[in-house]
């Protein structure tokens, strides 16, 4: 049996959910079906996110996407009264004597301030001068400067996703879970009913999706399928322009970790900011409910582009890479234990680290969020809606406006992004 809809959205992560929300909100009479291979929403890389939010980006477009999304989430939590687990604990970059050029960009935008390390942590928490032998071996810098972004922090992916899901359900969006797309089927726009169609001289469209629960058809389609986009679209010759990179998060606990967690002088709750160490981009993310720290890194060099459906976190990667750096700057890591670990993927636009939203035939693709789907998700949903509705401009929350083609593969070259975590 073939089921028909006006629009099928493949993928119920943050981008698929926010796209469904804005399209239905602005087109209330159309029928929308969101399908996902998982048993419920936000079970892919959205749910495996380190779940920070920040507006600290170098490129103008990434700043606008993240800043407007952060402002919308704040509106939802503070004005609509819907808890998203949003805590403005800030982002904190630790630097040596020489700071990267992009610090000036953040200061000029007035979205970050320089802080003396002594004014950030309680005494004995941060080792500004790592033990000399380790510092020489690992080329560690002494901490001499910090950059603090106060409009940044942490958020709960399940709560953000639940907001969009609940609102979509209220408006009549249909969800079909445990449904895996096996094949994307093309057909001629004007069929002749000849064997072998579509021929190369015929205009084509996506006619249906073959799934493990039968065929689904719609007038239009949206693929919000993250790293799975390549596998779905390669067979029909559509380049998704992304590559997968495995990413891992390790939850570290213990009494000494709790002292680090609540050691900050910059907020009333004394919660440590989302902190990026001076070496290799290793980060510490406060996990307040678990009274732990999450530790991760964007390890590009040496990390291949392979993909597996069930990536596993590597305990040795933490022990011999992340832990050695973390405990050099925060000695409390020496008396800690790993209490959880997980792995997912970034979908990298390897050209300029900016998301893609582009059209082909009767479909729109939204991918390449490079681990920033949560913190740009609302803005990306608005862009997908603009493409769907044929608008040339997108109104982002907070008043900024961008062309709907700002993330298209045919766009003008945008600035490279230099702050990827």
Protein backbone atom coordinates (compact mmCIF):
# COMPACT_ATOMS: atom_id res chain seq x y z
CA UNK A 1 0.00 0.00 0.00
CA UNK A 2 1.37 3.43 -0.99
CA UNK A 3 0.72 6.29 1.43
CA UNK A 4 0.56 9.87 0.18
CA UNK A 5 1.44 13.19 1.86
CA UNK A 6 2.09 16.72 0.70
CA UNK A 7 5.52 16.61 2.34
CA UNK A 8 7.68 13.87 3.81
CA UNK A 9 10.56 14.86 6.07
CA UNK A 10 13.15 12.14 6.54
CA UNK A 11 14.86 12.52 9.90
CA UNK A 12 13.43 13.42 13.30
CA UNK A 13 16.53 15.03 14.78
CA UNK A 14 16.67 18.70 15.67
CA UNK A 15 16.86 19.88 12.04
CA UNK A 16 13.98 17.69 10.87
CA UNK A 17 11.85 18.73 13.84
CA UNK A 18 12.48 22.46 13.53
CA UNK A 19 11.89 22.28 9.75
CA UNK A 20 8.55 20.53 10.30
CA UNK A 21 7.62 23.09 12.94
CA UNK A 22 8.16 26.15 10.75
CA UNK A 23 6.78 24.66 7.55
CA UNK A 24 3.57 23.57 9.27
CA UNK A 25 3.29 26.84 11.16
CA UNK A 26 3.49 28.81 7.91
CA UNK A 27 1.56 26.30 5.77
CA UNK A 28 -1.17 24.98 8.10
CA UNK A 29 -3.22 23.29 5.38
CA UNK A 30 -0.58 20.90 4.07
CA UNK A 31 -0.06 17.35 5.33
CA UNK A 32 3.39 16.62 6.71
CA UNK A 33 4.77 13.24 7.68
CA UNK A 34 8.09 12.96 9.53
CA UNK A 35 9.71 9.53 9.38
CA UNK A 36 12.72 8.18 11.24
CA UNK A 37 14.42 4.83 11.57
CA UNK A 38 14.57 5.11 15.36
CA UNK A 39 11.73 4.30 17.73
CA UNK A 40 11.25 7.98 18.64
CA UNK A 41 12.63 11.42 17.86
CA UNK A 42 16.16 12.77 18.45
CA UNK A 43 17.84 9.38 18.79
CA UNK A 44 20.65 9.95 16.30
CA UNK A 45 23.47 12.46 16.66
CA UNK A 46 21.13 15.03 18.22
CA UNK A 47 20.85 12.82 21.28
CA UNK A 48 24.60 12.17 21.36
CA UNK A 49 25.52 15.84 21.29
CA UNK A 50 27.74 17.49 23.87
CA UNK A 51 24.79 19.90 24.03
CA UNK A 52 26.46 23.25 24.37
CA UNK A 53 25.26 26.46 22.81
CA UNK A 54 27.42 29.40 21.81
CA UNK A 55 27.50 32.36 19.48
CA UNK A 56 31.30 32.32 19.36
CA UNK A 57 31.96 31.74 15.67
CA UNK A 58 34.29 33.52 13.28
CA UNK A 59 32.16 33.49 10.13
CA UNK A 60 29.29 35.95 9.97
CA UNK A 61 26.75 33.36 8.82
CA UNK A 62 27.55 30.89 11.62
CA UNK A 63 27.32 33.72 14.14
CA UNK A 64 23.88 34.72 12.87
CA UNK A 65 22.61 31.12 12.85
CA UNK A 66 23.80 30.38 16.39
CA UNK A 67 23.02 33.76 17.93
CA UNK A 68 19.43 33.78 16.66
CA UNK A 69 18.90 30.16 17.71
CA UNK A 70 20.20 30.89 21.21
CA UNK A 71 17.87 33.88 21.49
CA UNK A 72 14.89 31.78 20.41
CA UNK A 73 15.67 29.05 22.93
CA UNK A 74 15.92 31.70 25.62
CA UNK A 75 12.52 33.04 24.54
CA UNK A 76 11.03 29.55 24.80
CA UNK A 77 12.44 28.96 28.28
CA UNK A 78 12.04 32.38 29.85
CA UNK A 79 8.97 33.82 28.11
CA UNK A 80 7.02 30.73 27.09
CA UNK A 81 7.90 28.99 30.34
CA UNK A 82 9.06 25.72 28.75
CA UNK A 83 12.14 24.28 30.39
CA UNK A 84 14.92 23.47 27.92
CA UNK A 85 17.57 22.86 30.56
CA UNK A 86 19.25 26.03 29.34
CA UNK A 87 21.96 27.33 31.66
CA UNK A 88 24.04 30.38 30.79
CA UNK A 89 27.24 29.10 32.37
CA UNK A 90 29.28 30.58 29.53
CA UNK A 91 32.05 29.28 27.31
CA UNK A 92 35.63 29.74 28.44
CA UNK A 93 38.71 29.42 26.22
CA UNK A 94 42.06 29.04 27.97
CA UNK A 95 45.07 30.42 26.09
CA UNK A 96 48.79 30.75 26.43
CA UNK A 97 50.68 33.99 25.84
CA UNK A 98 49.71 34.18 22.18
CA UNK A 99 46.00 34.14 21.42
CA UNK A 100 44.53 33.22 17.99
CA UNK A 101 43.47 35.98 15.62
CA UNK A 102 39.78 35.19 16.01
CA UNK A 103 39.74 36.43 19.59
CA UNK A 104 39.68 39.96 18.13
CA UNK A 105 36.56 39.03 16.13
CA UNK A 106 34.72 38.04 19.33
CA UNK A 107 35.84 41.18 21.14
CA UNK A 108 34.80 43.42 18.25
CA UNK A 109 31.34 41.84 18.21
CA UNK A 110 31.16 42.42 21.98
CA UNK A 111 30.07 38.84 22.59
CA UNK A 112 33.09 37.86 24.70
CA UNK A 113 35.46 39.42 27.20
CA UNK A 114 39.00 38.70 28.35
CA UNK A 115 39.38 37.42 31.89
CA UNK A 116 42.35 36.93 34.17
CA UNK A 117 42.62 33.19 34.99
CA UNK A 118 42.83 34.06 38.70
CA UNK A 119 39.37 35.64 38.47
CA UNK A 120 37.74 32.52 37.00
CA UNK A 121 38.51 29.53 39.23
CA UNK A 122 38.88 29.06 42.93
CA UNK A 123 42.41 28.56 44.24
CA UNK A 124 43.96 25.18 43.54
CA UNK A 125 41.54 24.13 40.80
CA UNK A 126 43.39 25.25 37.65
CA UNK A 127 47.08 24.57 37.16
CA UNK A 128 48.09 27.58 35.08
CA UNK A 129 51.62 26.21 34.77
CA UNK A 130 51.50 22.47 34.01
CA UNK A 131 54.18 20.22 35.49
CA UNK A 132 57.31 20.94 33.49
CA UNK A 133 58.15 17.43 32.27
CA UNK A 134 54.61 16.87 30.98
CA UNK A 135 54.50 20.36 29.49
CA UNK A 136 57.70 19.79 27.54
CA UNK A 137 56.64 16.32 26.39
CA UNK A 138 53.18 17.41 25.18
CA UNK A 139 54.08 20.99 24.19
CA UNK A 140 51.59 22.41 26.69
CA UNK A 141 51.24 26.16 27.12
CA UNK A 142 50.98 27.95 30.43
CA UNK A 143 47.54 29.54 30.91
CA UNK A 144 48.00 33.30 30.70
CA UNK A 145 44.73 34.48 29.15
CA UNK A 146 41.09 33.44 28.98
CA UNK A 147 38.20 34.45 26.74
CA UNK A 148 34.73 34.25 28.26
CA UNK A 149 31.47 34.23 26.29
CA UNK A 150 28.62 34.99 28.74
CA UNK A 151 25.77 34.38 26.26
CA UNK A 152 26.76 30.74 25.94
CA UNK A 153 26.18 27.64 27.98
CA UNK A 154 24.62 24.19 28.13
CA UNK A 155 21.22 22.82 27.17
CA UNK A 156 19.32 19.52 27.22
CA UNK A 157 18.87 18.06 23.70
CA UNK A 158 15.88 15.94 24.71
CA UNK A 159 14.03 18.97 26.08
CA UNK A 160 14.76 21.12 23.02
CA UNK A 161 13.67 18.32 20.71
CA UNK A 162 10.56 17.68 22.81
CA UNK A 163 9.50 21.31 22.40
CA UNK A 164 9.49 21.09 18.60
CA UNK A 165 7.97 17.60 18.62
CA UNK A 166 5.12 18.59 20.93
CA UNK A 167 4.37 21.74 18.95
CA UNK A 168 4.39 19.78 15.69
CA UNK A 169 1.96 17.24 17.11
CA UNK A 170 -0.37 20.02 18.24
CA UNK A 171 -0.43 21.42 14.69
CA UNK A 172 -1.19 18.02 13.14
CA UNK A 173 2.21 16.88 11.89
CA UNK A 174 2.24 13.07 11.61
CA UNK A 175 5.20 11.04 12.86
CA UNK A 176 6.09 7.54 11.77
CA UNK A 177 8.99 5.98 13.67
CA UNK A 178 10.80 2.65 13.22
CA UNK A 179 10.72 3.33 9.49
CA UNK A 180 13.98 3.00 7.57
CA UNK A 181 14.35 4.37 4.06
CA UNK A 182 15.92 1.71 1.84
CA UNK A 183 15.76 3.49 -1.49
CA UNK A 184 14.93 6.87 -3.01
CA UNK A 185 12.98 6.35 -6.24
CA UNK A 186 13.03 8.74 -9.17
CA UNK A 187 10.44 9.04 -11.93
CA UNK A 188 9.76 11.34 -14.90
CA UNK A 189 7.67 14.43 -14.28
CA UNK A 190 5.67 13.53 -17.38
CA UNK A 191 5.73 9.73 -17.62
CA UNK A 192 5.33 7.97 -20.98
CA UNK A 193 4.94 4.54 -19.38
CA UNK A 194 7.87 3.15 -21.37
CA UNK A 195 10.24 0.57 -19.85
CA UNK A 196 13.49 2.16 -18.61
CA UNK A 197 12.09 5.49 -17.55
CA UNK A 198 13.24 8.01 -16.53
CA UNK A 199 15.41 8.65 -19.59
CA UNK A 200 18.17 11.24 -19.44
CA UNK A 201 16.15 13.69 -21.55
CA UNK A 202 13.17 13.60 -19.20
CA UNK A 203 12.67 16.02 -16.32
CA UNK A 204 12.80 14.01 -13.11
CA UNK A 205 11.37 14.06 -9.62
CA UNK A 206 11.49 11.93 -6.52
CA UNK A 207 8.40 9.78 -6.80
CA UNK A 208 8.57 7.68 -3.65
CA UNK A 209 10.62 6.28 -0.81
CA UNK A 210 10.96 2.54 -0.41
CA UNK A 211 11.00 1.77 3.31
CA UNK A 212 10.99 -1.38 5.40
CA UNK A 213 7.31 -0.65 6.05
CA UNK A 214 6.24 -0.09 2.46
CA UNK A 215 6.43 2.73 -0.08
CA UNK A 216 5.71 6.33 0.89
CA UNK A 217 4.95 9.08 -1.61
CA UNK A 218 4.66 12.85 -1.37
CA UNK A 219 4.65 15.90 -3.56
CA UNK A 220 7.87 17.10 -1.94
CA UNK A 221 10.61 15.73 0.33
CA UNK A 222 13.08 17.04 2.85
CA UNK A 223 16.18 15.08 3.85
CA UNK A 224 17.30 16.14 7.33
CA UNK A 225 19.39 13.01 7.67
CA UNK A 226 22.75 14.21 8.97
CA UNK A 227 25.56 11.73 8.16
CA UNK A 228 23.08 9.29 6.63
CA UNK A 229 22.40 11.71 3.76
CA UNK A 230 25.29 10.43 1.66
CA UNK A 231 24.10 6.82 1.82
CA UNK A 232 20.57 7.81 0.80
CA UNK A 233 21.44 10.14 -2.05
CA UNK A 234 24.60 8.62 -3.56
CA UNK A 235 22.60 5.90 -5.38
CA UNK A 236 20.66 8.55 -7.34
CA UNK A 237 23.74 10.64 -8.09
CA UNK A 238 23.16 13.52 -5.67
CA UNK A 239 26.28 14.72 -3.85
CA UNK A 240 25.48 15.68 -0.25
CA UNK A 241 28.86 17.43 0.12
CA UNK A 242 29.57 16.09 3.60
CA UNK A 243 31.93 13.63 5.24
CA UNK A 244 31.45 11.85 8.59
CA UNK A 245 33.82 12.25 11.54
CA UNK A 246 33.46 10.12 14.64
CA UNK A 247 33.18 12.10 17.87
CA UNK A 248 33.32 10.78 21.43
CA UNK A 249 32.17 12.05 24.81
CA UNK A 250 33.34 10.67 28.16
CA UNK A 251 31.56 11.32 31.46
CA UNK A 252 34.07 11.69 34.31
CA UNK A 253 33.02 11.63 37.95
CA UNK A 254 34.35 11.67 41.49
CA UNK A 255 34.70 14.01 44.48
CA UNK A 256 37.62 15.84 42.87
CA UNK A 257 35.58 16.33 39.70
CA UNK A 258 32.71 17.81 41.73
CA UNK A 259 35.15 20.35 43.16
CA UNK A 260 36.09 21.37 39.62
CA UNK A 261 32.43 21.43 38.57
CA UNK A 262 31.49 23.97 41.24
CA UNK A 263 34.69 26.03 41.27
CA UNK A 264 33.77 28.99 39.07
CA UNK A 265 33.69 32.60 40.26
CA UNK A 266 31.77 33.90 37.22
CA UNK A 267 28.21 32.82 38.07
CA UNK A 268 26.04 32.55 41.17
CA UNK A 269 25.82 28.75 40.96
CA UNK A 270 29.63 28.48 40.74
CA UNK A 271 29.27 26.08 37.77
CA UNK A 272 32.34 25.78 35.61
CA UNK A 273 31.79 27.15 32.08
CA UNK A 274 32.01 24.95 29.02
CA UNK A 275 35.80 25.11 29.05
CA UNK A 276 38.20 24.63 26.12
CA UNK A 277 41.77 23.79 27.09
CA UNK A 278 44.83 25.31 25.39
CA UNK A 279 45.93 22.00 23.86
CA UNK A 280 44.21 20.26 20.92
CA UNK A 281 40.78 21.76 21.63
CA UNK A 282 39.98 19.34 24.46
CA UNK A 283 36.84 20.56 26.22
CA UNK A 284 35.18 20.10 29.60
CA UNK A 285 31.39 20.33 29.61
CA UNK A 286 29.62 20.64 32.97
CA UNK A 287 26.98 17.96 33.56
CA UNK A 288 25.24 19.35 36.61
CA UNK A 289 22.54 16.70 37.06
CA UNK A 290 25.16 13.95 37.03
CA UNK A 291 27.61 16.05 39.10
CA UNK A 292 30.19 15.19 36.49
CA UNK A 293 32.17 16.62 33.61
CA UNK A 294 31.89 15.51 30.01
CA UNK A 295 35.19 15.48 28.16
CA UNK A 296 35.61 15.48 24.38
CA UNK A 297 37.57 16.86 21.46
CA UNK A 298 37.25 17.43 17.72
CA UNK A 299 40.18 15.21 16.75
CA UNK A 300 40.48 15.80 13.02
CA UNK A 301 44.06 14.90 12.12
CA UNK A 302 44.42 11.13 12.31
CA UNK A 303 40.67 10.49 12.60
CA UNK A 304 39.40 8.88 9.41
CA UNK A 305 36.14 9.48 7.55
CA UNK A 306 34.83 5.94 8.01
CA UNK A 307 31.23 5.39 9.08
CA UNK A 308 29.52 2.67 11.07
CA UNK A 309 25.95 2.47 12.28
CA UNK A 310 26.88 1.91 15.92
CA UNK A 311 30.08 3.82 16.76
CA UNK A 312 31.69 2.95 20.06
CA UNK A 313 33.62 5.27 22.36
CA UNK A 314 37.22 4.17 22.87
CA UNK A 315 38.28 4.11 26.52
CA UNK A 316 41.97 4.11 25.56
CA UNK A 317 41.42 7.27 23.54
CA UNK A 318 40.34 9.01 26.73
CA UNK A 319 43.06 7.51 28.92
CA UNK A 320 46.00 8.19 26.60
CA UNK A 321 44.85 11.38 24.91
CA UNK A 322 42.20 13.43 26.69
CA UNK A 323 42.97 12.55 30.30
CA UNK A 324 46.66 13.38 30.01
CA UNK A 325 45.79 16.88 28.81
CA UNK A 326 42.88 17.42 31.22
CA UNK A 327 44.81 16.46 34.34
CA UNK A 328 47.75 18.66 33.32
CA UNK A 329 45.51 21.71 33.69
CA UNK A 330 43.01 20.37 36.24
CA UNK A 331 44.88 18.06 38.66
CA UNK A 332 41.55 16.81 40.05
CA UNK A 333 41.31 14.50 37.04
CA UNK A 334 44.01 12.32 38.61
CA UNK A 335 41.49 11.05 41.18
CA UNK A 336 38.51 10.48 38.91
CA UNK A 337 36.71 7.67 37.14
CA UNK A 338 34.86 7.22 33.87
CA UNK A 339 31.15 6.61 34.53
CA UNK A 340 29.76 6.73 30.98
CA UNK A 341 30.90 7.08 27.38
CA UNK A 342 29.26 7.38 23.96
CA UNK A 343 30.07 8.19 20.37
CA UNK A 344 28.35 9.75 17.37
CA UNK A 345 29.29 11.67 14.25
CA UNK A 346 29.81 15.18 12.98
CA UNK A 347 28.60 15.67 9.42
CA UNK A 348 31.34 17.92 8.08
CA UNK A 349 31.05 20.31 5.21
CA UNK A 350 34.79 19.97 4.62
CA UNK A 351 34.94 23.10 2.47
CA UNK A 352 34.14 25.81 5.01
CA UNK A 353 32.53 24.07 8.06
CA UNK A 354 29.14 25.70 7.41
CA UNK A 355 25.81 23.82 7.14
CA UNK A 356 24.25 23.01 3.77
CA UNK A 357 20.64 23.65 2.79
CA UNK A 358 20.05 23.09 -0.91
CA UNK A 359 17.40 21.98 -3.39
CA UNK A 360 17.35 19.27 -6.02
CA UNK A 361 14.30 18.22 -8.03
CA UNK A 362 11.32 18.30 -5.63
CA UNK A 363 13.47 17.94 -2.50
CA UNK A 364 15.48 19.98 -0.01
CA UNK A 365 18.59 18.68 1.79
CA UNK A 366 19.71 20.05 5.17
CA UNK A 367 22.98 18.60 6.44
CA UNK A 368 26.61 19.39 7.26
CA UNK A 369 25.97 20.86 10.70
CA UNK A 370 29.38 19.68 12.00
CA UNK A 371 28.17 18.96 15.49
CA UNK A 372 26.31 22.27 15.75
CA UNK A 373 22.81 21.08 14.90
CA UNK A 374 21.46 21.90 18.35
CA UNK A 375 22.95 25.37 18.52
CA UNK A 376 21.90 26.34 14.97
CA UNK A 377 18.81 24.16 14.70
CA UNK A 378 16.13 26.83 14.95
CA UNK A 379 17.72 29.02 12.28
CA UNK A 380 18.23 26.07 9.94
CA UNK A 381 14.57 25.10 10.30
CA UNK A 382 13.57 28.62 9.27
CA UNK A 383 15.84 28.42 6.21
CA UNK A 384 14.37 25.08 5.15
CA UNK A 385 10.89 26.59 5.49
CA UNK A 386 11.89 29.56 3.33
CA UNK A 387 13.14 27.20 0.63
CA UNK A 388 9.97 25.14 0.84
CA UNK A 389 7.76 28.23 0.65
CA UNK A 390 9.75 29.96 -2.09
CA UNK A 391 10.80 33.01 -0.08
CA UNK A 392 14.05 34.73 -0.97
CA UNK A 393 14.71 36.04 2.53
CA UNK A 394 14.72 34.39 5.95
CA UNK A 395 13.77 36.26 9.09
CA UNK A 396 15.81 34.85 11.95
CA UNK A 397 14.69 35.23 15.54
CA UNK A 398 15.90 38.52 16.98
CA UNK A 399 15.50 40.52 13.79
CA UNK A 400 18.42 39.58 11.55
CA UNK A 401 17.70 38.65 7.94
CA UNK A 402 19.67 36.45 5.55
CA UNK A 403 19.08 35.20 1.99
CA UNK A 404 17.35 31.81 1.88
CA UNK A 405 20.23 30.70 -0.36
CA UNK A 406 22.84 31.54 2.31
CA UNK A 407 23.58 27.84 2.90
CA UNK A 408 23.09 26.63 -0.67
CA UNK A 409 25.83 24.74 -2.47
CA UNK A 410 25.60 27.39 -5.22
CA UNK A 411 26.06 30.25 -2.77
CA UNK A 412 28.90 32.68 -2.98
CA UNK A 413 31.97 31.55 -1.08
CA UNK A 414 31.53 32.19 2.64
CA UNK A 415 34.19 32.73 5.24
CA UNK A 416 35.93 29.65 6.60
CA UNK A 417 34.90 28.79 10.14
CA UNK A 418 37.83 28.64 12.58
CA UNK A 419 36.06 27.72 15.82
CA UNK A 420 34.90 24.11 15.54
CA UNK A 421 34.63 22.11 18.77
